[in-house]
Full PDB file with SEQRES, HELIX, SHEET, SSBOND, CRYST1, ORIGX, SCALE, CONECT and MASTER records, all heavy atoms in Angstrom:
SEQRES   1 A   41  GLY ASN ARG ALA LEU ARG ILE THR GLY SER LYS ARG ARG          
SEQRES   2 A   41  PHE GLY PRO GLU GLY ARG GLN LEU LEU PRO CYS VAL ARG          
SEQRES   3 A   41  CYS GLY SER TYR LEU LYS ARG LEU TYR HIS PRO ASP ARG          
SEQRES   4 A   41  LEU LYS                                                      
HELIX    1 AA1 VAL A   25  SER A   29  5                                   5    
HELIX    2 AA2 TYR A   30  LEU A   34  1                                   5    
CRYST1    1.000    1.000    1.000  90.00  90.00  90.00 P 1           1          
ORIGX1      1.000000  0.000000  0.000000        0.00000                         
ORIGX2      0.000000  1.000000  0.000000        0.00000                         
ORIGX3      0.000000  0.000000  1.000000        0.00000                         
SCALE1      1.000000  0.000000  0.000000        0.00000                         
SCALE2      0.000000  1.000000  0.000000        0.00000                         
SCALE3      0.000000  0.000000  1.000000        0.00000                         
ATOM      1  N   GLY A   1      -1.958  -3.670  -8.203  1.00  0.00           N  
ATOM      2  CA  GLY A   1      -1.566  -3.282  -9.598  1.00  0.00           C  
ATOM      3  C   GLY A   1      -0.127  -3.098  -9.603  1.00  0.00           C  
ATOM      4  O   GLY A   1       0.723  -3.896  -9.202  1.00  0.00           O  
ATOM      5  N   ASN A   2       0.257  -1.804 -10.116  1.00  0.00           N  
ATOM      6  CA  ASN A   2       1.678  -1.443 -10.020  1.00  0.00           C  
ATOM      7  C   ASN A   2       1.934  -0.342  -9.017  1.00  0.00           C  
ATOM      8  O   ASN A   2       2.822   0.494  -9.294  1.00  0.00           O  
ATOM      9  CB  ASN A   2       2.071  -0.990 -11.503  1.00  0.00           C  
ATOM     10  CG  ASN A   2       3.574  -0.921 -11.585  1.00  0.00           C  
ATOM     11  OD1 ASN A   2       4.349  -1.775 -11.080  1.00  0.00           O  
ATOM     12  ND2 ASN A   2       4.085   0.112 -12.292  1.00  0.00           N  
ATOM     13  N   ARG A   3       1.235  -0.373  -7.956  1.00  0.00           N  
ATOM     14  CA  ARG A   3       1.295   0.639  -6.937  1.00  0.00           C  
ATOM     15  C   ARG A   3       1.642   0.084  -5.591  1.00  0.00           C  
ATOM     16  O   ARG A   3       0.794  -0.782  -5.063  1.00  0.00           O  
ATOM     17  CB  ARG A   3      -0.009   1.470  -6.856  1.00  0.00           C  
ATOM     18  CG  ARG A   3       0.116   2.665  -5.946  1.00  0.00           C  
ATOM     19  CD  ARG A   3       0.799   3.879  -6.596  1.00  0.00           C  
ATOM     20  NE  ARG A   3       0.801   5.009  -5.634  1.00  0.00           N  
ATOM     21  CZ  ARG A   3       1.384   6.111  -6.072  1.00  0.00           C  
ATOM     22  NH1 ARG A   3       1.928   6.375  -7.209  1.00  0.00           N  
ATOM     23  NH2 ARG A   3       1.480   7.134  -5.184  1.00  0.00           N  
ATOM     24  N   ALA A   4       2.723   0.387  -4.944  1.00  0.00           N  
ATOM     25  CA  ALA A   4       3.003   0.027  -3.622  1.00  0.00           C  
ATOM     26  C   ALA A   4       2.217   0.796  -2.735  1.00  0.00           C  
ATOM     27  O   ALA A   4       2.305   2.085  -2.688  1.00  0.00           O  
ATOM     28  CB  ALA A   4       4.502   0.087  -3.353  1.00  0.00           C  
ATOM     29  N   LEU A   5       1.426   0.212  -1.727  1.00  0.00           N  
ATOM     30  CA  LEU A   5       0.510   0.861  -0.875  1.00  0.00           C  
ATOM     31  C   LEU A   5       1.249   1.167   0.488  1.00  0.00           C  
ATOM     32  O   LEU A   5       0.998   2.252   0.984  1.00  0.00           O  
ATOM     33  CB  LEU A   5      -0.758   0.078  -0.707  1.00  0.00           C  
ATOM     34  CG  LEU A   5      -1.548  -0.259  -1.963  1.00  0.00           C  
ATOM     35  CD1 LEU A   5      -2.666  -1.147  -1.669  1.00  0.00           C  
ATOM     36  CD2 LEU A   5      -1.889   0.955  -2.717  1.00  0.00           C  
ATOM     37  N   ARG A   6       1.846   0.171   0.977  1.00  0.00           N  
ATOM     38  CA  ARG A   6       2.453   0.366   2.281  1.00  0.00           C  
ATOM     39  C   ARG A   6       3.532  -0.743   2.452  1.00  0.00           C  
ATOM     40  O   ARG A   6       3.539  -1.717   1.770  1.00  0.00           O  
ATOM     41  CB  ARG A   6       1.416   0.232   3.432  1.00  0.00           C  
ATOM     42  CG  ARG A   6       0.710  -1.056   3.511  1.00  0.00           C  
ATOM     43  CD  ARG A   6      -0.480  -1.018   4.566  1.00  0.00           C  
ATOM     44  NE  ARG A   6      -1.175  -2.278   4.646  1.00  0.00           N  
ATOM     45  CZ  ARG A   6      -2.086  -2.743   3.804  1.00  0.00           C  
ATOM     46  NH1 ARG A   6      -2.367  -1.981   2.861  1.00  0.00           N  
ATOM     47  NH2 ARG A   6      -2.670  -3.925   4.027  1.00  0.00           N  
ATOM     48  N   ILE A   7       4.372  -0.487   3.465  1.00  0.00           N  
ATOM     49  CA  ILE A   7       5.506  -1.500   3.740  1.00  0.00           C  
ATOM     50  C   ILE A   7       5.320  -1.769   5.291  1.00  0.00           C  
ATOM     51  O   ILE A   7       5.335  -0.866   6.108  1.00  0.00           O  
ATOM     52  CB  ILE A   7       6.842  -0.893   3.416  1.00  0.00           C  
ATOM     53  CG1 ILE A   7       6.932  -0.581   1.849  1.00  0.00           C  
ATOM     54  CG2 ILE A   7       7.990  -1.868   3.774  1.00  0.00           C  
ATOM     55  CD1 ILE A   7       8.268   0.087   1.479  1.00  0.00           C  
ATOM     56  N   THR A   8       5.385  -3.079   5.525  1.00  0.00           N  
ATOM     57  CA  THR A   8       5.452  -3.463   6.932  1.00  0.00           C  
ATOM     58  C   THR A   8       6.617  -4.446   7.176  1.00  0.00           C  
ATOM     59  O   THR A   8       7.183  -5.084   6.339  1.00  0.00           O  
ATOM     60  CB  THR A   8       4.107  -4.239   7.306  1.00  0.00           C  
ATOM     61  OG1 THR A   8       3.952  -5.339   6.466  1.00  0.00           O  
ATOM     62  CG2 THR A   8       2.865  -3.257   7.179  1.00  0.00           C  
ATOM     63  N   GLY A   9       7.019  -4.625   8.430  1.00  0.00           N  
ATOM     64  CA  GLY A   9       8.038  -5.576   8.683  1.00  0.00           C  
ATOM     65  C   GLY A   9       7.479  -6.953   8.802  1.00  0.00           C  
ATOM     66  O   GLY A   9       6.380  -7.202   9.312  1.00  0.00           O  
ATOM     67  N   SER A  10       8.263  -7.945   8.302  1.00  0.00           N  
ATOM     68  CA  SER A  10       7.793  -9.331   8.357  1.00  0.00           C  
ATOM     69  C   SER A  10       7.686  -9.716   9.779  1.00  0.00           C  
ATOM     70  O   SER A  10       8.556  -9.475  10.578  1.00  0.00           O  
ATOM     71  CB  SER A  10       8.746 -10.149   7.585  1.00  0.00           C  
ATOM     72  OG  SER A  10       8.381 -11.519   7.731  1.00  0.00           O  
ATOM     73  N   LYS A  11       6.624 -10.610  10.033  1.00  0.00           N  
ATOM     74  CA  LYS A  11       6.532 -11.100  11.452  1.00  0.00           C  
ATOM     75  C   LYS A  11       7.168 -12.536  11.614  1.00  0.00           C  
ATOM     76  O   LYS A  11       7.149 -13.149  12.620  1.00  0.00           O  
ATOM     77  CB  LYS A  11       5.005 -11.234  11.774  1.00  0.00           C  
ATOM     78  CG  LYS A  11       4.284  -9.884  11.894  1.00  0.00           C  
ATOM     79  CD  LYS A  11       2.845 -10.027  12.273  1.00  0.00           C  
ATOM     80  CE  LYS A  11       2.162  -8.641  12.290  1.00  0.00           C  
ATOM     81  NZ  LYS A  11       0.705  -8.800  12.685  1.00  0.00           N  
ATOM     82  N   ARG A  12       7.774 -12.932  10.524  1.00  0.00           N  
ATOM     83  CA  ARG A  12       8.439 -14.221  10.611  1.00  0.00           C  
ATOM     84  C   ARG A  12       9.610 -14.189  11.542  1.00  0.00           C  
ATOM     85  O   ARG A  12      10.205 -13.210  11.772  1.00  0.00           O  
ATOM     86  CB  ARG A  12       8.980 -14.552   9.207  1.00  0.00           C  
ATOM     87  CG  ARG A  12       7.784 -14.749   8.187  1.00  0.00           C  
ATOM     88  CD  ARG A  12       8.397 -14.744   6.712  1.00  0.00           C  
ATOM     89  NE  ARG A  12       9.297 -15.823   6.458  1.00  0.00           N  
ATOM     90  CZ  ARG A  12       9.927 -15.920   5.300  1.00  0.00           C  
ATOM     91  NH1 ARG A  12       9.791 -14.952   4.372  1.00  0.00           N  
ATOM     92  NH2 ARG A  12      10.835 -16.867   5.143  1.00  0.00           N  
ATOM     93  N   ARG A  13       9.875 -15.385  12.120  1.00  0.00           N  
ATOM     94  CA  ARG A  13      10.932 -15.485  13.158  1.00  0.00           C  
ATOM     95  C   ARG A  13      11.942 -16.530  12.776  1.00  0.00           C  
ATOM     96  O   ARG A  13      11.652 -17.436  11.971  1.00  0.00           O  
ATOM     97  CB  ARG A  13      10.382 -15.863  14.464  1.00  0.00           C  
ATOM     98  CG  ARG A  13       9.438 -14.782  15.096  1.00  0.00           C  
ATOM     99  CD  ARG A  13       8.833 -15.242  16.461  1.00  0.00           C  
ATOM    100  NE  ARG A  13       8.078 -14.174  17.069  1.00  0.00           N  
ATOM    101  CZ  ARG A  13       8.472 -13.189  17.792  1.00  0.00           C  
ATOM    102  NH1 ARG A  13       9.812 -13.111  18.118  1.00  0.00           N  
ATOM    103  NH2 ARG A  13       7.641 -12.299  18.195  1.00  0.00           N  
ATOM    104  N   PHE A  14      13.253 -16.265  13.099  1.00  0.00           N  
ATOM    105  CA  PHE A  14      14.427 -17.024  12.665  1.00  0.00           C  
ATOM    106  C   PHE A  14      15.316 -17.509  13.782  1.00  0.00           C  
ATOM    107  O   PHE A  14      15.405 -16.723  14.800  1.00  0.00           O  
ATOM    108  CB  PHE A  14      15.135 -16.274  11.536  1.00  0.00           C  
ATOM    109  CG  PHE A  14      14.225 -15.829  10.385  1.00  0.00           C  
ATOM    110  CD1 PHE A  14      13.739 -14.492  10.365  1.00  0.00           C  
ATOM    111  CD2 PHE A  14      13.883 -16.616   9.330  1.00  0.00           C  
ATOM    112  CE1 PHE A  14      12.838 -14.118   9.416  1.00  0.00           C  
ATOM    113  CE2 PHE A  14      13.109 -16.235   8.336  1.00  0.00           C  
ATOM    114  CZ  PHE A  14      12.611 -15.005   8.286  1.00  0.00           C  
ATOM    115  N   GLY A  15      16.009 -18.531  13.512  1.00  0.00           N  
ATOM    116  CA  GLY A  15      16.900 -19.044  14.431  1.00  0.00           C  
ATOM    117  C   GLY A  15      16.406 -19.645  15.666  1.00  0.00           C  
ATOM    118  O   GLY A  15      15.126 -19.587  15.876  1.00  0.00           O  
ATOM    119  N   PRO A  16      17.215 -20.263  16.546  1.00  0.00           N  
ATOM    120  CA  PRO A  16      16.608 -20.901  17.737  1.00  0.00           C  
ATOM    121  C   PRO A  16      15.953 -20.066  18.717  1.00  0.00           C  
ATOM    122  O   PRO A  16      15.127 -20.501  19.413  1.00  0.00           O  
ATOM    123  CB  PRO A  16      17.900 -21.533  18.244  1.00  0.00           C  
ATOM    124  CG  PRO A  16      19.049 -20.761  17.773  1.00  0.00           C  
ATOM    125  CD  PRO A  16      18.696 -20.303  16.396  1.00  0.00           C  
ATOM    126  N   GLU A  17      16.280 -18.742  18.715  1.00  0.00           N  
ATOM    127  CA  GLU A  17      15.617 -17.842  19.531  1.00  0.00           C  
ATOM    128  C   GLU A  17      14.368 -17.147  18.959  1.00  0.00           C  
ATOM    129  O   GLU A  17      13.738 -16.271  19.672  1.00  0.00           O  
ATOM    130  CB  GLU A  17      16.624 -16.816  20.031  1.00  0.00           C  
ATOM    131  CG  GLU A  17      17.803 -17.391  20.786  1.00  0.00           C  
ATOM    132  CD  GLU A  17      18.884 -16.245  21.128  1.00  0.00           C  
ATOM    133  OE1 GLU A  17      18.971 -15.350  20.482  1.00  0.00           O  
ATOM    134  OE2 GLU A  17      19.555 -16.520  22.113  1.00  0.00           O  
ATOM    135  N   GLY A  18      14.072 -17.434  17.746  1.00  0.00           N  
ATOM    136  CA  GLY A  18      12.934 -16.871  17.058  1.00  0.00           C  
ATOM    137  C   GLY A  18      12.964 -15.430  16.881  1.00  0.00           C  
ATOM    138  O   GLY A  18      11.957 -14.683  17.275  1.00  0.00           O  
ATOM    139  N   ARG A  19      14.003 -14.909  16.372  1.00  0.00           N  
ATOM    140  CA  ARG A  19      14.136 -13.436  16.241  1.00  0.00           C  
ATOM    141  C   ARG A  19      13.669 -12.900  14.970  1.00  0.00           C  
ATOM    142  O   ARG A  19      13.554 -13.517  13.925  1.00  0.00           O  
ATOM    143  CB  ARG A  19      15.677 -13.033  16.343  1.00  0.00           C  
ATOM    144  CG  ARG A  19      16.282 -13.369  17.673  1.00  0.00           C  
ATOM    145  CD  ARG A  19      17.617 -12.771  17.836  1.00  0.00           C  
ATOM    146  NE  ARG A  19      18.153 -13.031  19.206  1.00  0.00           N  
ATOM    147  CZ  ARG A  19      17.882 -12.246  20.207  1.00  0.00           C  
ATOM    148  NH1 ARG A  19      17.214 -11.120  20.120  1.00  0.00           N  
ATOM    149  NH2 ARG A  19      18.483 -12.517  21.361  1.00  0.00           N  
ATOM    150  N   GLN A  20      13.038 -11.719  15.025  1.00  0.00           N  
ATOM    151  CA  GLN A  20      12.549 -11.016  13.928  1.00  0.00           C  
ATOM    152  C   GLN A  20      13.419 -10.009  13.382  1.00  0.00           C  
ATOM    153  O   GLN A  20      14.254  -9.401  14.110  1.00  0.00           O  
ATOM    154  CB  GLN A  20      11.186 -10.308  14.304  1.00  0.00           C  
ATOM    155  CG  GLN A  20      10.044 -11.248  14.685  1.00  0.00           C  
ATOM    156  CD  GLN A  20       8.804 -10.534  15.049  1.00  0.00           C  
ATOM    157  OE1 GLN A  20       8.904  -9.860  16.107  1.00  0.00           O  
ATOM    158  NE2 GLN A  20       7.712 -10.657  14.395  1.00  0.00           N  
ATOM    159  N   LEU A  21      13.446  -9.766  12.061  1.00  0.00           N  
ATOM    160  CA  LEU A  21      14.201  -8.833  11.371  1.00  0.00           C  
ATOM    161  C   LEU A  21      13.407  -7.602  10.979  1.00  0.00           C  
ATOM    162  O   LEU A  21      13.155  -7.298   9.925  1.00  0.00           O  
ATOM    163  CB  LEU A  21      14.879  -9.496  10.077  1.00  0.00           C  
ATOM    164  CG  LEU A  21      15.707 -10.784  10.275  1.00  0.00           C  
ATOM    165  CD1 LEU A  21      16.069 -11.334   8.998  1.00  0.00           C  
ATOM    166  CD2 LEU A  21      16.883 -10.473  11.234  1.00  0.00           C  
ATOM    167  N   LEU A  22      13.107  -6.847  12.132  1.00  0.00           N  
ATOM    168  CA  LEU A  22      12.180  -5.729  12.056  1.00  0.00           C  
ATOM    169  C   LEU A  22      12.881  -4.528  11.459  1.00  0.00           C  
ATOM    170  O   LEU A  22      14.028  -4.256  11.709  1.00  0.00           O  
ATOM    171  CB  LEU A  22      11.597  -5.531  13.381  1.00  0.00           C  
ATOM    172  CG  LEU A  22      10.685  -6.665  13.931  1.00  0.00           C  
ATOM    173  CD1 LEU A  22      10.237  -6.309  15.292  1.00  0.00           C  
ATOM    174  CD2 LEU A  22       9.576  -6.847  12.996  1.00  0.00           C  
ATOM    175  N   PRO A  23      12.134  -3.577  10.744  1.00  0.00           N  
ATOM    176  CA  PRO A  23      12.702  -2.393  10.251  1.00  0.00           C  
ATOM    177  C   PRO A  23      12.836  -1.321  11.258  1.00  0.00           C  
ATOM    178  O   PRO A  23      12.184  -1.349  12.331  1.00  0.00           O  
ATOM    179  CB  PRO A  23      11.627  -1.979   9.225  1.00  0.00           C  
ATOM    180  CG  PRO A  23      10.419  -2.562   9.685  1.00  0.00           C  
ATOM    181  CD  PRO A  23      10.668  -3.845  10.297  1.00  0.00           C  
ATOM    182  N   CYS A  24      13.756  -0.432  10.986  1.00  0.00           N  
ATOM    183  CA  CYS A  24      13.931   0.729  11.841  1.00  0.00           C  
ATOM    184  C   CYS A  24      13.075   1.957  11.230  1.00  0.00           C  
ATOM    185  O   CYS A  24      12.410   1.800  10.207  1.00  0.00           O  
ATOM    186  CB  CYS A  24      15.344   1.154  11.984  1.00  0.00           C  
ATOM    187  SG  CYS A  24      16.081   1.911  10.534  1.00  0.00           S  
ATOM    188  N   VAL A  25      13.093   3.131  11.881  1.00  0.00           N  
ATOM    189  CA  VAL A  25      12.317   4.231  11.385  1.00  0.00           C  
ATOM    190  C   VAL A  25      12.693   4.661   9.978  1.00  0.00           C  
ATOM    191  O   VAL A  25      11.844   5.245   9.277  1.00  0.00           O  
ATOM    192  CB  VAL A  25      12.544   5.425  12.441  1.00  0.00           C  
ATOM    193  CG1 VAL A  25      14.012   5.905  12.274  1.00  0.00           C  
ATOM    194  CG2 VAL A  25      11.550   6.477  12.189  1.00  0.00           C  
ATOM    195  N   ARG A  26      13.893   4.366   9.556  1.00  0.00           N  
ATOM    196  CA  ARG A  26      14.310   4.842   8.205  1.00  0.00           C  
ATOM    197  C   ARG A  26      13.386   4.145   7.078  1.00  0.00           C  
ATOM    198  O   ARG A  26      13.064   4.771   6.051  1.00  0.00           O  
ATOM    199  CB  ARG A  26      15.704   4.527   7.855  1.00  0.00           C  
ATOM    200  CG  ARG A  26      16.752   5.259   8.733  1.00  0.00           C  
ATOM    201  CD  ARG A  26      18.183   4.791   8.484  1.00  0.00           C  
ATOM    202  NE  ARG A  26      19.072   5.499   9.309  1.00  0.00           N  
ATOM    203  CZ  ARG A  26      19.517   5.135  10.460  1.00  0.00           C  
ATOM    204  NH1 ARG A  26      18.919   4.072  11.004  1.00  0.00           N  
ATOM    205  NH2 ARG A  26      20.372   5.855  11.151  1.00  0.00           N  
ATOM    206  N   CYS A  27      12.921   2.976   7.339  1.00  0.00           N  
ATOM    207  CA  CYS A  27      12.072   2.200   6.434  1.00  0.00           C  
ATOM    208  C   CYS A  27      10.837   2.975   6.078  1.00  0.00           C  
ATOM    209  O   CYS A  27      10.152   2.754   5.067  1.00  0.00           O  
ATOM    210  CB  CYS A  27      11.734   0.799   6.800  1.00  0.00           C  
ATOM    211  SG  CYS A  27      13.208  -0.208   6.890  1.00  0.00           S  
ATOM    212  N   GLY A  28      10.361   3.830   7.049  1.00  0.00           N  
ATOM    213  CA  GLY A  28       9.195   4.572   6.863  1.00  0.00           C  
ATOM    214  C   GLY A  28       9.295   5.630   5.668  1.00  0.00           C  
ATOM    215  O   GLY A  28       8.300   6.213   5.202  1.00  0.00           O  
ATOM    216  N   SER A  29      10.544   5.870   5.264  1.00  0.00           N  
ATOM    217  CA  SER A  29      10.845   6.752   4.141  1.00  0.00           C  
ATOM    218  C   SER A  29      10.749   6.166   2.754  1.00  0.00           C  
ATOM    219  O   SER A  29      10.861   6.814   1.719  1.00  0.00           O  
ATOM    220  CB  SER A  29      12.149   7.498   4.346  1.00  0.00           C  
ATOM    221  OG  SER A  29      12.135   8.241   5.535  1.00  0.00           O  
ATOM    222  N   TYR A  30      10.677   4.842   2.678  1.00  0.00           N  
ATOM    223  CA  TYR A  30      10.822   4.064   1.375  1.00  0.00           C  
ATOM    224  C   TYR A  30       9.756   4.486   0.396  1.00  0.00           C  
ATOM    225  O   TYR A  30      10.136   4.809  -0.810  1.00  0.00           O  
ATOM    226  CB  TYR A  30      10.814   2.584   1.646  1.00  0.00           C  
ATOM    227  CG  TYR A  30      12.071   1.959   2.245  1.00  0.00           C  
ATOM    228  CD1 TYR A  30      12.011   0.754   2.862  1.00  0.00           C  
ATOM    229  CD2 TYR A  30      13.293   2.659   2.149  1.00  0.00           C  
ATOM    230  CE1 TYR A  30      13.293   0.300   3.425  1.00  0.00           C  
ATOM    231  CE2 TYR A  30      14.414   2.195   2.747  1.00  0.00           C  
ATOM    232  CZ  TYR A  30      14.425   0.942   3.264  1.00  0.00           C  
ATOM    233  OH  TYR A  30      15.611   0.515   3.863  1.00  0.00           O  
ATOM    234  N   LEU A  31       8.515   4.520   0.739  1.00  0.00           N  
ATOM    235  CA  LEU A  31       7.560   4.879  -0.214  1.00  0.00           C  
ATOM    236  C   LEU A  31       7.489   6.293  -0.512  1.00  0.00           C  
ATOM    237  O   LEU A  31       7.247   6.748  -1.718  1.00  0.00           O  
ATOM    238  CB  LEU A  31       6.082   4.486   0.268  1.00  0.00           C  
ATOM    239  CG  LEU A  31       5.827   3.011   0.324  1.00  0.00           C  
ATOM    240  CD1 LEU A  31       4.321   2.739   0.706  1.00  0.00           C  
ATOM    241  CD2 LEU A  31       6.217   2.238  -0.874  1.00  0.00           C  
ATOM    242  N   LYS A  32       7.875   7.206   0.317  1.00  0.00           N  
ATOM    243  CA  LYS A  32       8.087   8.590   0.170  1.00  0.00           C  
ATOM    244  C   LYS A  32       9.120   8.882  -0.952  1.00  0.00           C  
ATOM    245  O   LYS A  32       8.978   9.698  -1.828  1.00  0.00           O  
ATOM    246  CB  LYS A  32       8.418   9.355   1.492  1.00  0.00           C  
ATOM    247  CG  LYS A  32       7.301   9.298   2.519  1.00  0.00           C  
ATOM    248  CD  LYS A  32       6.156  10.098   2.231  1.00  0.00           C  
ATOM    249  CE  LYS A  32       5.200  10.284   3.381  1.00  0.00           C  
ATOM    250  NZ  LYS A  32       4.018  11.056   3.088  1.00  0.00           N  
ATOM    251  N   ARG A  33      10.163   8.067  -0.856  1.00  0.00           N  
ATOM    252  CA  ARG A  33      11.277   8.205  -1.807  1.00  0.00           C  
ATOM    253  C   ARG A  33      10.881   7.580  -3.172  1.00  0.00           C  
ATOM    254  O   ARG A  33      11.133   8.170  -4.173  1.00  0.00           O  
ATOM    255  CB  ARG A  33      12.532   7.508  -1.326  1.00  0.00           C  
ATOM    256  CG  ARG A  33      13.687   7.523  -2.255  1.00  0.00           C  
ATOM    257  CD  ARG A  33      14.908   6.855  -1.516  1.00  0.00           C  
ATOM    258  NE  ARG A  33      15.998   6.747  -2.441  1.00  0.00           N  
ATOM    259  CZ  ARG A  33      16.971   7.707  -2.653  1.00  0.00           C  
ATOM    260  NH1 ARG A  33      16.900   8.832  -2.099  1.00  0.00           N  
ATOM    261  NH2 ARG A  33      17.972   7.438  -3.527  1.00  0.00           N  
ATOM    262  N   LEU A  34      10.176   6.482  -3.168  1.00  0.00           N  
ATOM    263  CA  LEU A  34       9.719   5.841  -4.367  1.00  0.00           C  
ATOM    264  C   LEU A  34       8.864   6.723  -5.225  1.00  0.00           C  
ATOM    265  O   LEU A  34       9.011   6.866  -6.402  1.00  0.00           O  
ATOM    266  CB  LEU A  34       9.001   4.538  -4.057  1.00  0.00           C  
ATOM    267  CG  LEU A  34       8.463   3.801  -5.297  1.00  0.00           C  
ATOM    268  CD1 LEU A  34       9.495   3.245  -6.249  1.00  0.00           C  
ATOM    269  CD2 LEU A  34       7.544   2.609  -4.747  1.00  0.00           C  
ATOM    270  N   TYR A  35       7.900   7.437  -4.553  1.00  0.00           N  
ATOM    271  CA  TYR A  35       6.960   8.223  -5.293  1.00  0.00           C  
ATOM    272  C   TYR A  35       7.154   9.698  -5.191  1.00  0.00           C  
ATOM    273  O   TYR A  35       6.297  10.479  -5.459  1.00  0.00           O  
ATOM    274  CB  TYR A  35       5.658   7.848  -4.829  1.00  0.00           C  
ATOM    275  CG  TYR A  35       5.257   6.418  -5.273  1.00  0.00           C  
ATOM    276  CD1 TYR A  35       4.927   5.487  -4.225  1.00  0.00           C  
ATOM    277  CD2 TYR A  35       5.063   5.989  -6.538  1.00  0.00           C  
ATOM    278  CE1 TYR A  35       4.517   4.140  -4.548  1.00  0.00           C  
ATOM    279  CE2 TYR A  35       4.822   4.680  -6.860  1.00  0.00           C  
ATOM    280  CZ  TYR A  35       4.548   3.875  -5.916  1.00  0.00           C  
ATOM    281  OH  TYR A  35       4.236   2.450  -6.223  1.00  0.00           O  
ATOM    282  N   HIS A  36       8.360  10.081  -4.862  1.00  0.00           N  
ATOM    283  CA  HIS A  36       8.668  11.563  -4.672  1.00  0.00           C  
ATOM    284  C   HIS A  36       8.621  12.247  -6.087  1.00  0.00           C  
ATOM    285  O   HIS A  36       9.038  11.681  -7.091  1.00  0.00           O  
ATOM    286  CB  HIS A  36      10.032  11.733  -3.999  1.00  0.00           C  
ATOM    287  CG  HIS A  36      10.213  13.119  -3.441  1.00  0.00           C  
ATOM    288  ND1 HIS A  36      10.492  14.156  -4.260  1.00  0.00           N  
ATOM    289  CD2 HIS A  36      10.230  13.545  -2.203  1.00  0.00           C  
ATOM    290  CE1 HIS A  36      10.635  15.203  -3.502  1.00  0.00           C  
ATOM    291  NE2 HIS A  36      10.440  14.949  -2.304  1.00  0.00           N  
ATOM    292  N   PRO A  37       7.931  13.451  -6.118  1.00  0.00           N  
ATOM    293  CA  PRO A  37       7.846  14.029  -7.441  1.00  0.00           C  
ATOM    294  C   PRO A  37       9.200  14.554  -8.010  1.00  0.00           C  
ATOM    295  O   PRO A  37       9.309  14.765  -9.205  1.00  0.00           O  
ATOM    296  CB  PRO A  37       6.876  15.219  -7.165  1.00  0.00           C  
ATOM    297  CG  PRO A  37       7.041  15.538  -5.685  1.00  0.00           C  
ATOM    298  CD  PRO A  37       7.287  14.111  -5.074  1.00  0.00           C  
ATOM    299  N   ASP A  38      10.223  14.744  -7.209  1.00  0.00           N  
ATOM    300  CA  ASP A  38      11.527  15.140  -7.711  1.00  0.00           C  
ATOM    301  C   ASP A  38      12.384  13.996  -8.263  1.00  0.00           C  
ATOM    302  O   ASP A  38      13.473  14.261  -8.722  1.00  0.00           O  
ATOM    303  CB  ASP A  38      12.298  15.818  -6.591  1.00  0.00           C  
ATOM    304  CG  ASP A  38      11.630  17.144  -6.167  1.00  0.00           C  
ATOM    305  OD1 ASP A  38      10.762  17.671  -7.009  1.00  0.00           O  
ATOM    306  OD2 ASP A  38      11.942  17.708  -5.151  1.00  0.00           O  
ATOM    307  N   ARG A  39      11.893  12.839  -8.257  1.00  0.00           N  
ATOM    308  CA  ARG A  39      12.671  11.722  -8.802  1.00  0.00           C  
ATOM    309  C   ARG A  39      12.960  11.983 -10.282  1.00  0.00           C  
ATOM    310  O   ARG A  39      12.152  12.408 -11.012  1.00  0.00           O  
ATOM    311  CB  ARG A  39      11.961  10.291  -8.652  1.00  0.00           C  
ATOM    312  CG  ARG A  39      12.245   9.635  -7.363  1.00  0.00           C  
ATOM    313  CD  ARG A  39      11.809   8.175  -7.357  1.00  0.00           C  
ATOM    314  NE  ARG A  39      12.596   7.352  -8.285  1.00  0.00           N  
ATOM    315  CZ  ARG A  39      12.356   6.148  -8.664  1.00  0.00           C  
ATOM    316  NH1 ARG A  39      11.238   5.653  -8.273  1.00  0.00           N  
ATOM    317  NH2 ARG A  39      13.194   5.511  -9.568  1.00  0.00           N  
ATOM    318  N   LEU A  40      14.187  11.571 -10.718  1.00  0.00           N  
ATOM    319  CA  LEU A  40      14.608  11.786 -12.160  1.00  0.00           C  
ATOM    320  C   LEU A  40      13.702  10.837 -12.897  1.00  0.00           C  
ATOM    321  O   LEU A  40      13.551   9.631 -12.520  1.00  0.00           O  
ATOM    322  CB  LEU A  40      16.000  11.480 -12.383  1.00  0.00           C  
ATOM    323  CG  LEU A  40      16.953  12.454 -11.535  1.00  0.00           C  
ATOM    324  CD1 LEU A  40      18.420  11.990 -11.741  1.00  0.00           C  
ATOM    325  CD2 LEU A  40      16.850  13.836 -12.062  1.00  0.00           C  
ATOM    326  N   LYS A  41      13.288  11.245 -14.142  1.00  0.00           N  
ATOM    327  CA  LYS A  41      12.472  10.478 -14.934  1.00  0.00           C  
ATOM    328  C   LYS A  41      13.031  10.191 -16.394  1.00  0.00           C  
ATOM    329  O   LYS A  41      12.758   9.120 -16.878  1.00  0.00           O  
ATOM    330  CB  LYS A  41      11.074  11.356 -15.250  1.00  0.00           C  
ATOM    331  CG  LYS A  41      10.310  11.605 -14.069  1.00  0.00           C  
ATOM    332  CD  LYS A  41       9.055  12.509 -14.340  1.00  0.00           C  
ATOM    333  CE  LYS A  41       8.206  12.708 -13.242  1.00  0.00           C  
ATOM    334  NZ  LYS A  41       8.935  13.600 -12.210  1.00  0.00           N  
TER     335      LYS A  41                                                      
MASTER        0    0    0    2    0    0    0    6  334    1    0    4          
END                                                                             
């Protein structure tokens, strides 16, 4: 619907070495920030 449930890093690989563009620990805060009750409305 209009609710983000979770965020994962894409498993797609790029370049001749097949590298992934994986997230760091900060990305774990994205949904907490999106739905934080203190966000300005």
